[in-house]
């Protein structure tokens, strides 16, 4: 299956997407991502996965809150969710083009550095909130 198709399936078939946060952080820190049963070396960031990781760090919050936090901490990006899944759009750029017939959602994705920075900040905040 081409990488394009795998990426699209990650977005469109969100019910099948779940990974342990530690594994995902290890994978992303190494520049890899687990997609559809295979590792791919690409700076690909799945926004839904970020939201799930942040929700796991702060279990009393919802994924929508996590998306709002990501947007607040990364003002250059706009995060959204609809029937097609989660998306990250660089502010000032046109909205993503959805080609339903081809099954591929074209999006602008955060860089690996942006992903790790947002993730680290959120886990630190969650830890501080728990410590009270």
N, C-alpha and C. Protein backbone atom coordinates (compact mmCIF):
# COMPACT_ATOMS: atom_id res chain seq x y z
N UNK A 1 0.85 -1.18 0.00
CA UNK A 1 0.00 0.00 0.00
C UNK A 1 0.89 1.24 0.00
N UNK A 2 0.66 2.18 -0.92
CA UNK A 2 1.49 3.40 -0.95
C UNK A 2 1.37 4.18 0.35
N UNK A 3 2.42 4.95 0.65
CA UNK A 3 2.42 5.74 1.88
C UNK A 3 1.23 6.68 1.93
N UNK A 4 0.86 7.28 0.79
CA UNK A 4 -0.29 8.19 0.75
C UNK A 4 -1.53 7.51 1.31
N UNK A 5 -1.78 6.28 0.86
CA UNK A 5 -2.97 5.56 1.30
C UNK A 5 -2.90 5.27 2.79
N UNK A 6 -1.72 4.92 3.28
CA UNK A 6 -1.58 4.64 4.71
C UNK A 6 -1.88 5.90 5.52
N UNK A 7 -1.34 7.04 5.08
CA UNK A 7 -1.58 8.29 5.79
C UNK A 7 -3.06 8.62 5.80
N UNK A 8 -3.71 8.44 4.67
CA UNK A 8 -5.14 8.74 4.59
C UNK A 8 -5.93 7.84 5.53
N UNK A 9 -5.54 6.57 5.61
CA UNK A 9 -6.27 5.65 6.49
C UNK A 9 -6.12 6.04 7.94
N UNK A 10 -4.95 6.56 8.31
CA UNK A 10 -4.77 6.99 9.70
C UNK A 10 -5.77 8.09 10.03
N UNK A 11 -5.99 9.00 9.08
CA UNK A 11 -6.94 10.09 9.32
C UNK A 11 -8.38 9.60 9.27
N UNK A 12 -8.70 8.79 8.29
CA UNK A 12 -10.10 8.46 8.05
C UNK A 12 -10.62 7.34 8.94
N UNK A 13 -9.78 6.41 9.32
CA UNK A 13 -10.24 5.28 10.11
C UNK A 13 -9.76 5.44 11.54
N UNK A 14 -10.19 6.53 12.18
CA UNK A 14 -9.66 6.88 13.50
C UNK A 14 -10.04 5.86 14.56
N UNK A 15 -11.08 5.08 14.33
CA UNK A 15 -11.50 4.09 15.33
C UNK A 15 -10.42 3.04 15.55
N UNK A 16 -9.57 2.82 14.57
CA UNK A 16 -8.54 1.79 14.69
C UNK A 16 -7.23 2.35 15.24
N UNK A 17 -7.18 3.66 15.48
CA UNK A 17 -5.91 4.28 15.85
C UNK A 17 -5.78 4.42 17.36
N UNK A 18 -4.88 3.68 17.94
CA UNK A 18 -4.52 3.88 19.35
C UNK A 18 -3.15 3.30 19.56
N UNK A 19 -2.33 3.99 20.32
CA UNK A 19 -0.99 3.51 20.66
C UNK A 19 -0.66 3.99 22.06
N UNK A 20 0.16 3.22 22.76
CA UNK A 20 0.59 3.63 24.10
C UNK A 20 1.42 4.91 23.98
N UNK A 21 1.16 5.91 24.84
CA UNK A 21 1.89 7.18 24.73
C UNK A 21 3.40 7.02 24.72
N UNK A 22 3.95 6.15 25.56
CA UNK A 22 5.40 6.00 25.61
C UNK A 22 5.95 5.53 24.28
N UNK A 23 5.26 4.59 23.64
CA UNK A 23 5.70 4.08 22.34
C UNK A 23 5.66 5.19 21.30
N UNK A 24 4.59 5.96 21.31
CA UNK A 24 4.47 7.02 20.31
C UNK A 24 5.56 8.06 20.49
N UNK A 25 5.83 8.44 21.72
CA UNK A 25 6.89 9.42 21.97
C UNK A 25 8.23 8.87 21.50
N UNK A 26 8.52 7.61 21.81
CA UNK A 26 9.77 6.99 21.35
C UNK A 26 9.84 7.00 19.84
N UNK A 27 8.75 6.63 19.20
CA UNK A 27 8.72 6.56 17.75
C UNK A 27 8.92 7.94 17.14
N UNK A 28 8.19 8.94 17.66
CA UNK A 28 8.30 10.28 17.10
C UNK A 28 9.67 10.90 17.38
N UNK A 29 10.23 10.62 18.55
CA UNK A 29 11.55 11.17 18.88
C UNK A 29 12.59 10.62 17.92
N UNK A 30 12.39 9.41 17.43
CA UNK A 30 13.32 8.81 16.48
C UNK A 30 13.01 9.17 15.05
N UNK A 31 11.95 9.95 14.84
CA UNK A 31 11.59 10.36 13.48
C UNK A 31 10.77 9.32 12.74
N UNK A 32 10.24 8.33 13.47
CA UNK A 32 9.44 7.30 12.83
C UNK A 32 8.00 7.41 13.31
N UNK A 33 7.08 6.87 12.55
CA UNK A 33 5.71 6.74 13.03
C UNK A 33 5.17 5.39 12.59
N UNK A 34 4.38 4.81 13.48
CA UNK A 34 3.75 3.52 13.20
C UNK A 34 2.46 3.80 12.46
N UNK A 35 2.38 3.38 11.21
CA UNK A 35 1.19 3.62 10.40
C UNK A 35 0.76 2.31 9.77
N UNK A 36 -0.45 1.89 10.10
CA UNK A 36 -1.07 0.74 9.45
C UNK A 36 -0.16 -0.49 9.50
N UNK A 37 0.41 -0.76 10.67
CA UNK A 37 1.20 -1.97 10.85
C UNK A 37 2.61 -1.91 10.31
N UNK A 38 3.12 -0.70 10.03
CA UNK A 38 4.46 -0.60 9.47
C UNK A 38 5.09 0.72 9.94
N UNK A 39 6.41 0.72 10.11
CA UNK A 39 7.10 1.95 10.48
C UNK A 39 7.47 2.74 9.23
N UNK A 40 7.32 4.05 9.30
CA UNK A 40 7.68 4.92 8.19
C UNK A 40 8.57 6.03 8.73
N UNK A 41 9.69 6.26 8.06
CA UNK A 41 10.57 7.35 8.50
C UNK A 41 10.14 8.61 7.75
N UNK A 42 9.23 9.37 8.34
CA UNK A 42 8.77 10.62 7.76
C UNK A 42 8.44 11.56 8.91
N UNK A 43 8.60 12.85 8.71
CA UNK A 43 8.19 13.80 9.75
C UNK A 43 6.69 14.01 9.69
N UNK A 44 5.94 12.94 9.86
CA UNK A 44 4.48 12.98 9.74
C UNK A 44 3.88 13.07 11.13
N UNK A 45 3.00 14.02 11.34
CA UNK A 45 2.37 14.17 12.64
C UNK A 45 0.87 14.01 12.48
N UNK A 46 0.31 13.10 13.24
CA UNK A 46 -1.13 12.87 13.23
C UNK A 46 -1.73 13.66 14.38
N UNK A 47 -2.54 14.65 14.07
CA UNK A 47 -3.07 15.54 15.09
C UNK A 47 -3.99 14.79 16.04
N UNK A 48 -4.72 13.82 15.53
CA UNK A 48 -5.59 13.03 16.40
C UNK A 48 -4.75 12.30 17.44
N UNK A 49 -3.62 11.79 17.00
CA UNK A 49 -2.73 11.07 17.92
C UNK A 49 -2.21 12.02 19.00
N UNK A 50 -1.86 13.24 18.62
CA UNK A 50 -1.42 14.22 19.60
C UNK A 50 -2.51 14.46 20.62
N UNK A 51 -3.74 14.64 20.15
CA UNK A 51 -4.86 14.88 21.07
C UNK A 51 -5.06 13.71 22.01
N UNK A 52 -4.93 12.50 21.49
CA UNK A 52 -5.11 11.31 22.34
C UNK A 52 -4.01 11.23 23.40
N UNK A 53 -2.78 11.57 23.01
CA UNK A 53 -1.68 11.57 23.97
C UNK A 53 -1.92 12.60 25.07
N UNK A 54 -2.36 13.78 24.67
CA UNK A 54 -2.60 14.82 25.66
C UNK A 54 -3.77 14.46 26.56
N UNK A 55 -4.79 13.83 25.99
CA UNK A 55 -5.93 13.40 26.80
C UNK A 55 -5.49 12.33 27.80
N UNK A 56 -4.55 11.48 27.39
CA UNK A 56 -4.04 10.45 28.30
C UNK A 56 -3.26 11.09 29.44
N UNK A 57 -2.56 12.18 29.15
CA UNK A 57 -1.79 12.86 30.18
C UNK A 57 -2.71 13.59 31.16
N UNK A 58 -3.86 14.02 30.68
CA UNK A 58 -4.82 14.74 31.52
C UNK A 58 -6.17 14.04 31.37
N UNK A 59 -6.36 12.90 32.05
CA UNK A 59 -7.52 12.05 31.79
C UNK A 59 -8.87 12.70 32.03
N UNK A 60 -8.93 13.78 32.81
CA UNK A 60 -10.22 14.41 33.06
C UNK A 60 -10.61 15.39 31.97
N UNK A 61 -9.73 15.59 31.00
CA UNK A 61 -10.04 16.51 29.92
C UNK A 61 -10.49 15.75 28.69
N UNK A 62 -11.12 16.48 27.79
CA UNK A 62 -11.56 15.87 26.54
C UNK A 62 -10.59 16.23 25.43
N UNK A 63 -10.68 15.48 24.34
CA UNK A 63 -9.78 15.72 23.22
C UNK A 63 -9.95 17.13 22.66
N UNK A 64 -11.17 17.67 22.70
CA UNK A 64 -11.39 19.02 22.19
C UNK A 64 -10.56 20.04 22.98
N UNK A 65 -10.48 19.83 24.29
CA UNK A 65 -9.67 20.73 25.11
C UNK A 65 -8.21 20.63 24.68
N UNK A 66 -7.76 19.42 24.42
CA UNK A 66 -6.37 19.22 23.99
C UNK A 66 -6.10 19.94 22.68
N UNK A 67 -7.06 19.89 21.77
CA UNK A 67 -6.89 20.58 20.50
C UNK A 67 -6.81 22.09 20.72
N UNK A 68 -7.65 22.61 21.60
CA UNK A 68 -7.61 24.05 21.89
C UNK A 68 -6.26 24.43 22.51
N UNK A 69 -5.75 23.57 23.39
CA UNK A 69 -4.45 23.84 24.01
C UNK A 69 -3.34 23.84 22.97
N UNK A 70 -3.39 22.88 22.05
CA UNK A 70 -2.39 22.85 20.99
C UNK A 70 -2.43 24.13 20.18
N UNK A 71 -3.65 24.58 19.84
CA UNK A 71 -3.79 25.80 19.05
C UNK A 71 -3.28 27.01 19.83
N UNK A 72 -3.55 27.04 21.13
CA UNK A 72 -3.11 28.17 21.95
C UNK A 72 -1.58 28.22 22.03
N UNK A 73 -0.95 27.06 22.13
CA UNK A 73 0.49 27.00 22.31
C UNK A 73 1.25 27.03 20.99
N UNK A 74 0.55 26.81 19.89
CA UNK A 74 1.17 26.84 18.57
C UNK A 74 0.34 27.77 17.69
N UNK A 75 0.45 29.09 17.88
CA UNK A 75 -0.44 30.03 17.20
C UNK A 75 -0.31 30.03 15.68
N UNK A 76 0.74 29.44 15.16
CA UNK A 76 0.88 29.37 13.70
C UNK A 76 0.05 28.28 13.06
N UNK A 77 -0.64 27.50 13.89
CA UNK A 77 -1.42 26.38 13.37
C UNK A 77 -2.86 26.47 13.84
N UNK A 78 -3.77 25.97 13.02
CA UNK A 78 -5.18 25.89 13.37
C UNK A 78 -5.55 24.41 13.38
N UNK A 79 -6.12 23.93 14.48
CA UNK A 79 -6.46 22.52 14.61
C UNK A 79 -7.98 22.38 14.58
N UNK A 80 -8.45 21.36 13.90
CA UNK A 80 -9.89 21.18 13.82
C UNK A 80 -10.23 19.70 13.75
N UNK A 81 -11.51 19.42 13.99
CA UNK A 81 -12.00 18.05 13.88
C UNK A 81 -13.37 18.11 13.23
N UNK A 82 -13.61 17.21 12.30
CA UNK A 82 -14.93 17.08 11.70
C UNK A 82 -15.13 15.63 11.32
N UNK A 83 -16.09 15.36 10.44
CA UNK A 83 -16.38 13.96 10.10
C UNK A 83 -15.22 13.27 9.41
N UNK A 84 -14.25 14.04 8.93
CA UNK A 84 -13.08 13.47 8.28
C UNK A 84 -11.92 13.24 9.23
N UNK A 85 -12.09 13.59 10.50
CA UNK A 85 -11.02 13.37 11.47
C UNK A 85 -10.40 14.68 11.92
N UNK A 86 -9.19 14.59 12.44
CA UNK A 86 -8.47 15.75 12.96
C UNK A 86 -7.54 16.29 11.88
N UNK A 87 -7.38 17.63 11.88
CA UNK A 87 -6.49 18.23 10.89
C UNK A 87 -5.70 19.36 11.52
N UNK A 88 -4.52 19.59 10.98
CA UNK A 88 -3.72 20.76 11.37
C UNK A 88 -3.52 21.58 10.11
N UNK A 89 -3.85 22.86 10.17
CA UNK A 89 -3.71 23.74 9.02
C UNK A 89 -2.85 24.93 9.42
N UNK A 90 -1.82 25.20 8.64
CA UNK A 90 -0.97 26.35 8.92
C UNK A 90 -1.79 27.62 8.69
N UNK A 91 -1.80 28.53 9.66
CA UNK A 91 -2.58 29.76 9.53
C UNK A 91 -2.10 30.57 8.33
N UNK A 92 -3.06 31.14 7.61
CA UNK A 92 -2.72 31.92 6.43
C UNK A 92 -2.69 31.09 5.16
N UNK A 93 -2.76 29.76 5.31
CA UNK A 93 -2.78 28.87 4.15
C UNK A 93 -4.24 28.52 3.85
N UNK A 94 -4.52 28.08 2.63
CA UNK A 94 -5.89 27.65 2.33
C UNK A 94 -6.26 26.42 3.14
N UNK A 95 -7.54 26.22 3.33
CA UNK A 95 -8.01 25.04 4.06
C UNK A 95 -7.59 23.78 3.32
N UNK A 96 -7.50 22.66 4.04
CA UNK A 96 -7.12 21.41 3.39
C UNK A 96 -8.10 21.02 2.29
N UNK A 97 -7.59 20.40 1.27
CA UNK A 97 -8.43 19.91 0.18
C UNK A 97 -8.77 18.46 0.49
N UNK A 98 -10.05 18.16 0.53
CA UNK A 98 -10.47 16.79 0.81
C UNK A 98 -10.88 16.12 -0.49
N UNK A 99 -10.19 15.06 -0.84
CA UNK A 99 -10.53 14.31 -2.04
C UNK A 99 -11.12 12.98 -1.59
N UNK A 100 -12.42 12.98 -1.35
CA UNK A 100 -13.05 11.78 -0.79
C UNK A 100 -12.95 10.60 -1.75
N UNK A 101 -13.06 10.86 -3.03
CA UNK A 101 -13.02 9.75 -3.98
C UNK A 101 -11.68 9.02 -3.91
N UNK A 102 -10.60 9.77 -3.76
CA UNK A 102 -9.28 9.16 -3.69
C UNK A 102 -8.93 8.66 -2.30
N UNK A 103 -9.72 9.07 -1.32
CA UNK A 103 -9.48 8.62 0.04
C UNK A 103 -8.30 9.29 0.71
N UNK A 104 -7.80 10.38 0.15
CA UNK A 104 -6.62 11.04 0.72
C UNK A 104 -7.01 12.43 1.22
N UNK A 105 -6.68 12.71 2.45
CA UNK A 105 -6.90 14.04 2.99
C UNK A 105 -5.58 14.80 2.93
N UNK A 106 -5.53 15.86 2.14
CA UNK A 106 -4.30 16.65 2.01
C UNK A 106 -4.29 17.70 3.12
N UNK A 107 -3.26 17.71 3.93
CA UNK A 107 -3.20 18.65 5.04
C UNK A 107 -1.80 19.22 5.17
N UNK A 108 -1.72 20.34 5.86
CA UNK A 108 -0.43 20.86 6.31
C UNK A 108 -0.21 20.29 7.69
N UNK A 109 0.93 19.69 7.95
CA UNK A 109 1.16 19.02 9.23
C UNK A 109 2.24 19.74 10.03
N UNK A 110 2.12 19.72 11.36
CA UNK A 110 3.19 20.31 12.18
C UNK A 110 4.50 19.56 11.96
N UNK A 111 5.60 20.23 12.19
CA UNK A 111 6.90 19.56 12.09
C UNK A 111 7.11 18.69 13.32
N UNK A 112 8.09 17.83 13.24
CA UNK A 112 8.41 16.96 14.37
C UNK A 112 8.78 17.80 15.59
N UNK A 113 9.53 18.88 15.38
CA UNK A 113 9.93 19.74 16.49
C UNK A 113 8.69 20.36 17.15
N UNK A 114 7.76 20.85 16.35
CA UNK A 114 6.53 21.45 16.90
C UNK A 114 5.74 20.42 17.70
N UNK A 115 5.69 19.20 17.17
CA UNK A 115 4.97 18.13 17.85
C UNK A 115 5.58 17.84 19.22
N UNK A 116 6.90 17.60 19.24
CA UNK A 116 7.57 17.25 20.49
C UNK A 116 7.48 18.40 21.49
N UNK A 117 7.64 19.63 21.01
CA UNK A 117 7.55 20.79 21.91
C UNK A 117 6.18 20.87 22.56
N UNK A 118 5.13 20.77 21.76
CA UNK A 118 3.76 20.84 22.31
C UNK A 118 3.50 19.68 23.26
N UNK A 119 3.97 18.50 22.89
CA UNK A 119 3.75 17.32 23.72
C UNK A 119 4.46 17.47 25.06
N UNK A 120 5.73 17.87 25.03
CA UNK A 120 6.49 18.05 26.27
C UNK A 120 5.86 19.10 27.17
N UNK A 121 5.42 20.21 26.59
CA UNK A 121 4.78 21.26 27.38
C UNK A 121 3.53 20.74 28.06
N UNK A 122 2.74 19.98 27.33
CA UNK A 122 1.47 19.50 27.88
C UNK A 122 1.69 18.46 28.98
N UNK A 123 2.67 17.58 28.80
CA UNK A 123 2.94 16.60 29.84
C UNK A 123 3.48 17.28 31.09
N UNK A 124 4.28 18.34 30.91
CA UNK A 124 4.79 19.09 32.06
C UNK A 124 3.64 19.78 32.80
N UNK A 125 2.75 20.40 32.05
CA UNK A 125 1.59 21.07 32.66
C UNK A 125 0.74 20.05 33.41
N UNK A 126 0.50 18.90 32.79
CA UNK A 126 -0.32 17.87 33.44
C UNK A 126 0.34 17.41 34.74
N UNK A 127 1.66 17.25 34.71
CA UNK A 127 2.38 16.81 35.90
C UNK A 127 2.26 17.86 37.01
N UNK A 128 2.43 19.12 36.65
CA UNK A 128 2.34 20.19 37.64
C UNK A 128 0.93 20.29 38.22
N UNK A 129 -0.09 20.09 37.38
CA UNK A 129 -1.47 20.13 37.86
C UNK A 129 -1.73 18.99 38.85
N UNK A 130 -1.18 17.82 38.55
CA UNK A 130 -1.38 16.67 39.44
C UNK A 130 -0.69 16.89 40.78
N UNK A 131 0.51 17.49 40.72
CA UNK A 131 1.27 17.73 41.95
C UNK A 131 0.58 18.79 42.80
N UNK A 132 -0.20 19.65 42.14
CA UNK A 132 -0.99 20.67 42.79
C UNK A 132 -0.17 21.63 43.57
